């Protein structure tokens, strides 16, 4: 995604690239933290919450893409 990101600069798709990258990196962080916390039996909540959050962001991004809009209003 980083390779094609510059091609989308100045378009609505640039916001989608940012949205996807933020989703990926934040999900990796929370999955790692939750994965470690699984050993103390509280990580399952974090894992489930992360999956739900990623699904929400994927659906919101796709719906915005189909409308030709940015997934956020601040991008």
PDB file of N, CA and C in Angstrom:
ATOM      1  N   UNK A   1       0.811  -1.188   0.000  1.00  0.00           N
ATOM      2  CA  UNK A   1       0.000   0.000   0.000  1.00  0.00           C
ATOM      3  C   UNK A   1       0.854   1.252   0.000  1.00  0.00           C
ATOM      4  N   UNK A   2       1.995   1.169   0.631  1.00  0.00           N
ATOM      5  CA  UNK A   2       2.864   2.338   0.674  1.00  0.00           C
ATOM      6  C   UNK A   2       3.395   2.680  -0.710  1.00  0.00           C
ATOM      7  N   UNK A   3       3.548   1.679  -1.576  1.00  0.00           N
ATOM      8  CA  UNK A   3       4.101   1.926  -2.906  1.00  0.00           C
ATOM      9  C   UNK A   3       3.148   2.728  -3.782  1.00  0.00           C
ATOM     10  N   UNK A   4       1.874   2.461  -3.710  1.00  0.00           N
ATOM     11  CA  UNK A   4       0.884   3.134  -4.555  1.00  0.00           C
ATOM     12  C   UNK A   4       0.244   4.348  -3.883  1.00  0.00           C
ATOM     13  N   UNK A   5       0.613   4.603  -2.663  1.00  0.00           N
ATOM     14  CA  UNK A   5       0.003   5.706  -1.912  1.00  0.00           C
ATOM     15  C   UNK A   5       0.239   7.055  -2.583  1.00  0.00           C
ATOM     16  N   UNK A   6       1.420   7.275  -3.116  1.00  0.00           N
ATOM     17  CA  UNK A   6       1.728   8.568  -3.741  1.00  0.00           C
ATOM     18  C   UNK A   6       0.932   8.780  -5.027  1.00  0.00           C
ATOM     19  N   UNK A   7       0.527   7.701  -5.693  1.00  0.00           N
ATOM     20  CA  UNK A   7      -0.278   7.833  -6.912  1.00  0.00           C
ATOM     21  C   UNK A   7      -1.662   8.403  -6.615  1.00  0.00           C
ATOM     22  N   UNK A   8      -2.136   8.221  -5.408  1.00  0.00           N
ATOM     23  CA  UNK A   8      -3.471   8.676  -5.038  1.00  0.00           C
ATOM     24  C   UNK A   8      -3.473  10.057  -4.391  1.00  0.00           C
ATOM     25  N   UNK A   9      -2.319  10.668  -4.262  1.00  0.00           N
ATOM     26  CA  UNK A   9      -2.227  11.973  -3.597  1.00  0.00           C
ATOM     27  C   UNK A   9      -3.131  12.992  -4.277  1.00  0.00           C
ATOM     28  N   UNK A  10      -3.863  13.727  -3.476  1.00  0.00           N
ATOM     29  CA  UNK A  10      -4.747  14.761  -3.998  1.00  0.00           C
ATOM     30  C   UNK A  10      -6.108  14.250  -4.426  1.00  0.00           C
ATOM     31  N   UNK A  11      -6.375  12.967  -4.253  1.00  0.00           N
ATOM     32  CA  UNK A  11      -7.676  12.401  -4.615  1.00  0.00           C
ATOM     33  C   UNK A  11      -8.367  11.893  -3.357  1.00  0.00           C
ATOM     34  N   UNK A  12      -9.611  11.505  -3.515  1.00  0.00           N
ATOM     35  CA  UNK A  12     -10.351  10.943  -2.386  1.00  0.00           C
ATOM     36  C   UNK A  12      -9.737   9.611  -1.967  1.00  0.00           C
ATOM     37  N   UNK A  13      -9.048   8.960  -2.882  1.00  0.00           N
ATOM     38  CA  UNK A  13      -8.448   7.663  -2.574  1.00  0.00           C
ATOM     39  C   UNK A  13      -7.269   7.786  -1.619  1.00  0.00           C
ATOM     40  N   UNK A  14      -6.664   8.940  -1.531  1.00  0.00           N
ATOM     41  CA  UNK A  14      -5.566   9.149  -0.580  1.00  0.00           C
ATOM     42  C   UNK A  14      -6.066   8.946   0.846  1.00  0.00           C
ATOM     43  N   UNK A  15      -7.261   9.419   1.122  1.00  0.00           N
ATOM     44  CA  UNK A  15      -7.846   9.227   2.454  1.00  0.00           C
ATOM     45  C   UNK A  15      -8.110   7.750   2.718  1.00  0.00           C
ATOM     46  N   UNK A  16      -8.470   7.004   1.676  1.00  0.00           N
ATOM     47  CA  UNK A  16      -8.698   5.569   1.834  1.00  0.00           C
ATOM     48  C   UNK A  16      -7.391   4.837   2.133  1.00  0.00           C
ATOM     49  N   UNK A  17      -6.308   5.237   1.477  1.00  0.00           N
ATOM     50  CA  UNK A  17      -5.007   4.637   1.777  1.00  0.00           C
ATOM     51  C   UNK A  17      -4.629   4.904   3.229  1.00  0.00           C
ATOM     52  N   UNK A  18      -4.801   6.146   3.677  1.00  0.00           N
ATOM     53  CA  UNK A  18      -4.495   6.486   5.070  1.00  0.00           C
ATOM     54  C   UNK A  18      -5.366   5.677   6.032  1.00  0.00           C
ATOM     55  N   UNK A  19      -6.637   5.544   5.682  1.00  0.00           N
ATOM     56  CA  UNK A  19      -7.592   4.805   6.504  1.00  0.00           C
ATOM     57  C   UNK A  19      -7.160   3.342   6.642  1.00  0.00           C
ATOM     58  N   UNK A  20      -6.782   2.730   5.521  1.00  0.00           N
ATOM     59  CA  UNK A  20      -6.356   1.329   5.551  1.00  0.00           C
ATOM     60  C   UNK A  20      -5.076   1.143   6.352  1.00  0.00           C
ATOM     61  N   UNK A  21      -4.127   2.048   6.160  1.00  0.00           N
ATOM     62  CA  UNK A  21      -2.856   1.925   6.871  1.00  0.00           C
ATOM     63  C   UNK A  21      -3.026   2.125   8.373  1.00  0.00           C
ATOM     64  N   UNK A  22      -3.836   3.112   8.750  1.00  0.00           N
ATOM     65  CA  UNK A  22      -4.091   3.315  10.179  1.00  0.00           C
ATOM     66  C   UNK A  22      -4.805   2.105  10.784  1.00  0.00           C
ATOM     67  N   UNK A  23      -5.767   1.563  10.044  1.00  0.00           N
ATOM     68  CA  UNK A  23      -6.479   0.380  10.523  1.00  0.00           C
ATOM     69  C   UNK A  23      -5.510  -0.781  10.730  1.00  0.00           C
ATOM     70  N   UNK A  24      -4.640  -1.014   9.753  1.00  0.00           N
ATOM     71  CA  UNK A  24      -3.687  -2.117   9.841  1.00  0.00           C
ATOM     72  C   UNK A  24      -2.753  -1.973  11.033  1.00  0.00           C
ATOM     73  N   UNK A  25      -2.108  -0.811  11.167  1.00  0.00           N
ATOM     74  CA  UNK A  25      -1.116  -0.649  12.223  1.00  0.00           C
ATOM     75  C   UNK A  25      -1.732  -0.636  13.617  1.00  0.00           C
ATOM     76  N   UNK A  26      -2.886   0.015  13.773  1.00  0.00           N
ATOM     77  CA  UNK A  26      -3.543  -0.008  15.080  1.00  0.00           C
ATOM     78  C   UNK A  26      -4.010  -1.423  15.416  1.00  0.00           C
ATOM     79  N   UNK A  27      -4.515  -2.150  14.430  1.00  0.00           N
ATOM     80  CA  UNK A  27      -4.940  -3.532  14.673  1.00  0.00           C
ATOM     81  C   UNK A  27      -3.753  -4.393  15.078  1.00  0.00           C
ATOM     82  N   UNK A  28      -2.614  -4.220  14.425  1.00  0.00           N
ATOM     83  CA  UNK A  28      -1.424  -4.994  14.789  1.00  0.00           C
ATOM     84  C   UNK A  28      -1.007  -4.711  16.234  1.00  0.00           C
ATOM     85  N   UNK A  29      -1.050  -3.446  16.618  1.00  0.00           N
ATOM     86  CA  UNK A  29      -0.694  -3.080  17.988  1.00  0.00           C
ATOM     87  C   UNK A  29      -1.621  -3.755  18.993  1.00  0.00           C
ATOM     88  N   UNK A  30      -2.934  -3.626  18.777  1.00  0.00           N
ATOM     89  CA  UNK A  30      -3.889  -4.169  19.736  1.00  0.00           C
ATOM     90  C   UNK A  30      -3.932  -5.687  19.708  1.00  0.00           C
ATOM     91  N   UNK A  31      -3.687  -6.296  18.559  1.00  0.00           N
ATOM     92  CA  UNK A  31      -3.615  -7.756  18.518  1.00  0.00           C
ATOM     93  C   UNK A  31      -2.393  -8.262  19.276  1.00  0.00           C
ATOM     94  N   UNK A  32      -1.277  -7.552  19.155  1.00  0.00           N
ATOM     95  CA  UNK A  32      -0.071  -7.950  19.888  1.00  0.00           C
ATOM     96  C   UNK A  32      -0.286  -7.815  21.395  1.00  0.00           C
ATOM     97  N   UNK A  33      -0.843  -6.688  21.817  1.00  0.00           N
ATOM     98  CA  UNK A  33      -1.102  -6.480  23.250  1.00  0.00           C
ATOM     99  C   UNK A  33      -2.092  -7.520  23.769  1.00  0.00           C
ATOM    100  N   UNK A  34      -3.155  -7.751  23.009  1.00  0.00           N
ATOM    101  CA  UNK A  34      -4.165  -8.722  23.431  1.00  0.00           C
ATOM    102  C   UNK A  34      -3.609 -10.138  23.407  1.00  0.00           C
ATOM    103  N   UNK A  35      -2.764 -10.425  22.423  1.00  0.00           N
ATOM    104  CA  UNK A  35      -2.157 -11.749  22.348  1.00  0.00           C
ATOM    105  C   UNK A  35      -1.306 -12.051  23.560  1.00  0.00           C
ATOM    106  N   UNK A  36      -0.585 -11.066  24.036  1.00  0.00           N
ATOM    107  CA  UNK A  36       0.211 -11.241  25.251  1.00  0.00           C
ATOM    108  C   UNK A  36      -0.704 -11.369  26.467  1.00  0.00           C
ATOM    109  N   UNK A  37      -1.757 -10.571  26.490  1.00  0.00           N
ATOM    110  CA  UNK A  37      -2.672 -10.575  27.637  1.00  0.00           C
ATOM    111  C   UNK A  37      -3.528 -11.839  27.708  1.00  0.00           C
ATOM    112  N   UNK A  38      -3.570 -12.617  26.637  1.00  0.00           N
ATOM    113  CA  UNK A  38      -4.330 -13.867  26.658  1.00  0.00           C
ATOM    114  C   UNK A  38      -3.803 -14.789  27.760  1.00  0.00           C
ATOM    115  N   UNK A  39      -2.529 -14.698  28.029  1.00  0.00           N
ATOM    116  CA  UNK A  39      -1.933 -15.559  29.050  1.00  0.00           C
ATOM    117  C   UNK A  39      -2.421 -15.245  30.457  1.00  0.00           C
ATOM    118  N   UNK A  40      -2.986 -14.060  30.650  1.00  0.00           N
ATOM    119  CA  UNK A  40      -3.584 -13.747  31.952  1.00  0.00           C
ATOM    120  C   UNK A  40      -5.108 -13.705  31.837  1.00  0.00           C
ATOM    121  N   UNK A  41      -5.613 -14.317  30.780  1.00  0.00           N
ATOM    122  CA  UNK A  41      -7.041 -14.554  30.558  1.00  0.00           C
ATOM    123  C   UNK A  41      -7.898 -13.307  30.387  1.00  0.00           C
ATOM    124  N   UNK A  42      -7.310 -12.164  30.111  1.00  0.00           N
ATOM    125  CA  UNK A  42      -8.102 -10.970  29.836  1.00  0.00           C
ATOM    126  C   UNK A  42      -7.949 -10.562  28.371  1.00  0.00           C
ATOM    127  N   UNK A  43      -7.009 -11.155  27.694  1.00  0.00           N
ATOM    128  CA  UNK A  43      -6.723 -10.790  26.311  1.00  0.00           C
ATOM    129  C   UNK A  43      -7.818 -11.140  25.325  1.00  0.00           C
ATOM    130  N   UNK A  44      -8.649 -12.121  25.671  1.00  0.00           N
ATOM    131  CA  UNK A  44      -9.726 -12.498  24.754  1.00  0.00           C
ATOM    132  C   UNK A  44     -10.673 -11.334  24.497  1.00  0.00           C
ATOM    133  N   UNK A  45     -10.906 -10.535  25.491  1.00  0.00           N
ATOM    134  CA  UNK A  45     -11.772  -9.359  25.323  1.00  0.00           C
ATOM    135  C   UNK A  45     -11.141  -8.400  24.318  1.00  0.00           C
ATOM    136  N   UNK A  46      -9.850  -8.171  24.447  1.00  0.00           N
ATOM    137  CA  UNK A  46      -9.145  -7.297  23.513  1.00  0.00           C
ATOM    138  C   UNK A  46      -9.118  -7.850  22.106  1.00  0.00           C
ATOM    139  N   UNK A  47      -8.940  -9.163  21.977  1.00  0.00           N
ATOM    140  CA  UNK A  47      -8.941  -9.782  20.651  1.00  0.00           C
ATOM    141  C   UNK A  47     -10.294  -9.620  19.970  1.00  0.00           C
ATOM    142  N   UNK A  48     -11.351  -9.890  20.700  1.00  0.00           N
ATOM    143  CA  UNK A  48     -12.699  -9.756  20.136  1.00  0.00           C
ATOM    144  C   UNK A  48     -12.994  -8.301  19.795  1.00  0.00           C
ATOM    145  N   UNK A  49     -12.636  -7.384  20.681  1.00  0.00           N
ATOM    146  CA  UNK A  49     -12.868  -5.958  20.425  1.00  0.00           C
ATOM    147  C   UNK A  49     -12.087  -5.490  19.200  1.00  0.00           C
ATOM    148  N   UNK A  50     -10.867  -5.968  19.030  1.00  0.00           N
ATOM    149  CA  UNK A  50     -10.061  -5.576  17.871  1.00  0.00           C
ATOM    150  C   UNK A  50     -10.677  -6.086  16.582  1.00  0.00           C
ATOM    151  N   UNK A  51     -11.135  -7.321  16.575  1.00  0.00           N
ATOM    152  CA  UNK A  51     -11.768  -7.883  15.375  1.00  0.00           C
ATOM    153  C   UNK A  51     -13.026  -7.100  15.020  1.00  0.00           C
ATOM    154  N   UNK A  52     -13.837  -6.779  16.010  1.00  0.00           N
ATOM    155  CA  UNK A  52     -15.057  -5.994  15.764  1.00  0.00           C
ATOM    156  C   UNK A  52     -14.693  -4.617  15.221  1.00  0.00           C
ATOM    157  N   UNK A  53     -13.682  -3.981  15.793  1.00  0.00           N
ATOM    158  CA  UNK A  53     -13.250  -2.655  15.350  1.00  0.00           C
ATOM    159  C   UNK A  53     -12.742  -2.690  13.909  1.00  0.00           C
ATOM    160  N   UNK A  54     -11.960  -3.710  13.564  1.00  0.00           N
ATOM    161  CA  UNK A  54     -11.443  -3.831  12.194  1.00  0.00           C
ATOM    162  C   UNK A  54     -12.595  -4.054  11.220  1.00  0.00           C
ATOM    163  N   UNK A  55     -13.538  -4.913  11.562  1.00  0.00           N
ATOM    164  CA  UNK A  55     -14.693  -5.133  10.687  1.00  0.00           C
ATOM    165  C   UNK A  55     -15.484  -3.843  10.485  1.00  0.00           C
ATOM    166  N   UNK A  56     -15.680  -3.080  11.551  1.00  0.00           N
ATOM    167  CA  UNK A  56     -16.371  -1.793  11.444  1.00  0.00           C
ATOM    168  C   UNK A  56     -15.646  -0.872  10.463  1.00  0.00           C
ATOM    169  N   UNK A  57     -14.322  -0.771  10.604  1.00  0.00           N
ATOM    170  CA  UNK A  57     -13.555   0.125   9.737  1.00  0.00           C
ATOM    171  C   UNK A  57     -13.550  -0.365   8.291  1.00  0.00           C
ATOM    172  N   UNK A  58     -13.504  -1.672   8.085  1.00  0.00           N
ATOM    173  CA  UNK A  58     -13.558  -2.205   6.724  1.00  0.00           C
ATOM    174  C   UNK A  58     -14.896  -1.894   6.065  1.00  0.00           C
ATOM    175  N   UNK A  59     -15.972  -2.118   6.789  1.00  0.00           N
ATOM    176  CA  UNK A  59     -17.306  -1.850   6.242  1.00  0.00           C
ATOM    177  C   UNK A  59     -17.493  -0.359   5.988  1.00  0.00           C
ATOM    178  N   UNK A  60     -17.098   0.474   6.932  1.00  0.00           N
ATOM    179  CA  UNK A  60     -17.237   1.926   6.756  1.00  0.00           C
ATOM    180  C   UNK A  60     -16.412   2.404   5.566  1.00  0.00           C
ATOM    181  N   UNK A  61     -15.205   1.882   5.424  1.00  0.00           N
ATOM    182  CA  UNK A  61     -14.353   2.261   4.296  1.00  0.00           C
ATOM    183  C   UNK A  61     -14.938   1.836   2.958  1.00  0.00           C
ATOM    184  N   UNK A  62     -15.444   0.594   2.883  1.00  0.00           N
ATOM    185  CA  UNK A  62     -16.042   0.119   1.633  1.00  0.00           C
ATOM    186  C   UNK A  62     -17.279   0.932   1.260  1.00  0.00           C
ATOM    187  N   UNK A  63     -18.124   1.218   2.233  1.00  0.00           N
ATOM    188  CA  UNK A  63     -19.323   2.007   1.939  1.00  0.00           C
ATOM    189  C   UNK A  63     -18.953   3.405   1.447  1.00  0.00           C
ATOM    190  N   UNK A  64     -17.959   4.011   2.059  1.00  0.00           N
ATOM    191  CA  UNK A  64     -17.508   5.332   1.611  1.00  0.00           C
ATOM    192  C   UNK A  64     -16.903   5.246   0.217  1.00  0.00           C
ATOM    193  N   UNK A  65     -16.153   4.180  -0.056  1.00  0.00           N
ATOM    194  CA  UNK A  65     -15.549   4.004  -1.377  1.00  0.00           C
ATOM    195  C   UNK A  65     -16.621   3.861  -2.450  1.00  0.00           C
ATOM    196  N   UNK A  66     -17.665   3.109  -2.162  1.00  0.00           N
ATOM    197  CA  UNK A  66     -18.754   2.935  -3.125  1.00  0.00           C
ATOM    198  C   UNK A  66     -19.475   4.251  -3.411  1.00  0.00           C
ATOM    199  N   UNK A  67     -19.499   5.145  -2.420  1.00  0.00           N
ATOM    200  CA  UNK A  67     -20.120   6.458  -2.605  1.00  0.00           C
ATOM    201  C   UNK A  67     -19.162   7.470  -3.215  1.00  0.00           C
ATOM    202  N   UNK A  68     -17.901   7.099  -3.345  1.00  0.00           N
ATOM    203  CA  UNK A  68     -16.894   8.016  -3.878  1.00  0.00           C
ATOM    204  C   UNK A  68     -16.480   9.080  -2.880  1.00  0.00           C
ATOM    205  N   UNK A  69     -16.625   8.769  -1.607  1.00  0.00           N
ATOM    206  CA  UNK A  69     -16.298   9.731  -0.551  1.00  0.00           C
ATOM    207  C   UNK A  69     -15.145   9.205   0.291  1.00  0.00           C
ATOM    208  N   UNK A  70     -14.566  10.107   1.064  1.00  0.00           N
ATOM    209  CA  UNK A  70     -13.520   9.710   2.005  1.00  0.00           C
ATOM    210  C   UNK A  70     -14.173   8.999   3.190  1.00  0.00           C
ATOM    211  N   UNK A  71     -13.486   8.057   3.808  1.00  0.00           N
ATOM    212  CA  UNK A  71     -14.079   7.362   4.952  1.00  0.00           C
ATOM    213  C   UNK A  71     -14.189   8.242   6.192  1.00  0.00           C
ATOM    214  N   UNK A  72     -13.495   9.376   6.200  1.00  0.00           N
ATOM    215  CA  UNK A  72     -13.561  10.304   7.322  1.00  0.00           C
ATOM    216  C   UNK A  72     -13.857  11.696   6.797  1.00  0.00           C
ATOM    217  N   UNK A  73     -14.312  12.559   7.674  1.00  0.00           N
ATOM    218  CA  UNK A  73     -14.586  13.934   7.264  1.00  0.00           C
ATOM    219  C   UNK A  73     -13.401  14.844   7.521  1.00  0.00           C
ATOM    220  N   UNK A  74     -12.402  14.386   8.253  1.00  0.00           N
ATOM    221  CA  UNK A  74     -11.260  15.230   8.594  1.00  0.00           C
ATOM    222  C   UNK A  74     -10.054  14.990   7.705  1.00  0.00           C
ATOM    223  N   UNK A  75     -10.098  14.030   6.801  1.00  0.00           N
ATOM    224  CA  UNK A  75      -8.929  13.708   5.967  1.00  0.00           C
ATOM    225  C   UNK A  75      -8.803  14.620   4.777  1.00  0.00           C
TER     226      UNK A  75
END
